Protein backbone atom coordinates (compact mmCIF):
# COMPACT_ATOMS: atom_id res chain seq x y z
CA LEU A 1 12.03 -3.29 -11.92
CA LYS A 2 13.97 -6.52 -11.90
CA GLU A 3 12.54 -10.00 -11.42
CA GLU A 4 14.60 -10.83 -8.33
CA TYR A 5 16.80 -9.01 -5.84
CA GLY A 6 19.28 -10.13 -3.24
CA TYR A 7 18.67 -8.62 0.22
CA LYS A 8 21.38 -5.95 0.04
CA GLU A 9 20.44 -5.12 -3.55
CA LEU A 10 16.78 -4.77 -2.52
CA GLU A 11 17.75 -2.51 0.38
CA ASP A 12 19.91 -0.29 -1.86
CA THR A 13 17.17 -0.11 -4.51
CA LEU A 14 14.55 0.93 -1.96
CA ILE A 15 16.83 3.60 -0.49
CA LYS A 16 17.59 5.04 -3.97
CA THR A 17 13.96 4.90 -5.09
CA TYR A 18 12.63 6.61 -1.98
CA LEU A 19 15.39 9.23 -2.22
CA ALA A 20 14.30 9.98 -5.80
CA GLU A 21 10.85 10.75 -4.35
CA GLY A 22 12.33 13.00 -1.66
CA VAL A 23 12.20 10.54 1.26
CA ARG A 24 15.49 9.72 2.99
CA LEU A 25 15.83 6.20 4.36
CA ASN A 26 18.71 4.96 6.46
CA HIS A 27 19.63 1.30 6.95
CA GLN A 28 17.25 0.80 9.90
CA ASN A 29 14.30 2.35 8.06
CA ALA A 30 15.01 0.26 4.96
CA VAL A 31 15.09 -2.94 7.05
CA ALA A 32 11.77 -2.00 8.68
CA LEU A 33 10.28 -1.27 5.25
CA ILE A 34 11.43 -4.64 3.89
CA THR A 35 9.90 -6.37 6.92
CA MET A 36 6.59 -4.57 6.39
CA LEU A 37 6.58 -5.41 2.67
CA ARG A 38 7.25 -9.07 3.48
CA ASN A 39 4.52 -9.17 6.15
CA LYS A 40 1.98 -7.76 3.70
CA ARG A 41 3.18 -10.19 0.99
CA MET A 42 4.10 -7.34 -1.35
CA ILE A 43 7.51 -8.96 -1.71
CA VAL A 44 8.20 -12.64 -1.20
CA GLN A 45 11.38 -14.57 -0.66
CA GLU A 46 11.74 -17.29 -3.28
CA ASN A 47 14.53 -19.33 -4.79
CA GLY A 48 16.64 -19.35 -1.68
CA ARG A 49 17.71 -15.84 -0.81
CA LYS A 50 16.11 -13.87 -3.63
CA TYR A 51 13.20 -11.48 -3.19
CA SER A 52 10.60 -10.71 -5.83
CA PHE A 53 7.76 -8.18 -6.07
CA LYS A 54 4.21 -9.53 -6.26
CA PRO A 55 2.04 -6.93 -8.04
CA ASP A 56 -1.10 -9.04 -7.48
CA TYR A 57 -0.76 -9.17 -3.69
CA HIS A 58 -3.95 -9.15 -1.61
CA TYR A 59 -3.97 -7.78 1.90
């Protein structure tokens, strides 16, 4: 897990990670997943256009 991801890099990483678990994501599903993760504050956009994971998120 890296500190920060660009949007496309985050999308590609999510698609590969979910595929490793047996779940196929296309572009639209990955975009919806990123939106949900942002809404729940599991990932946040910081430092301009970079996204980072917040393991201590509270919903």
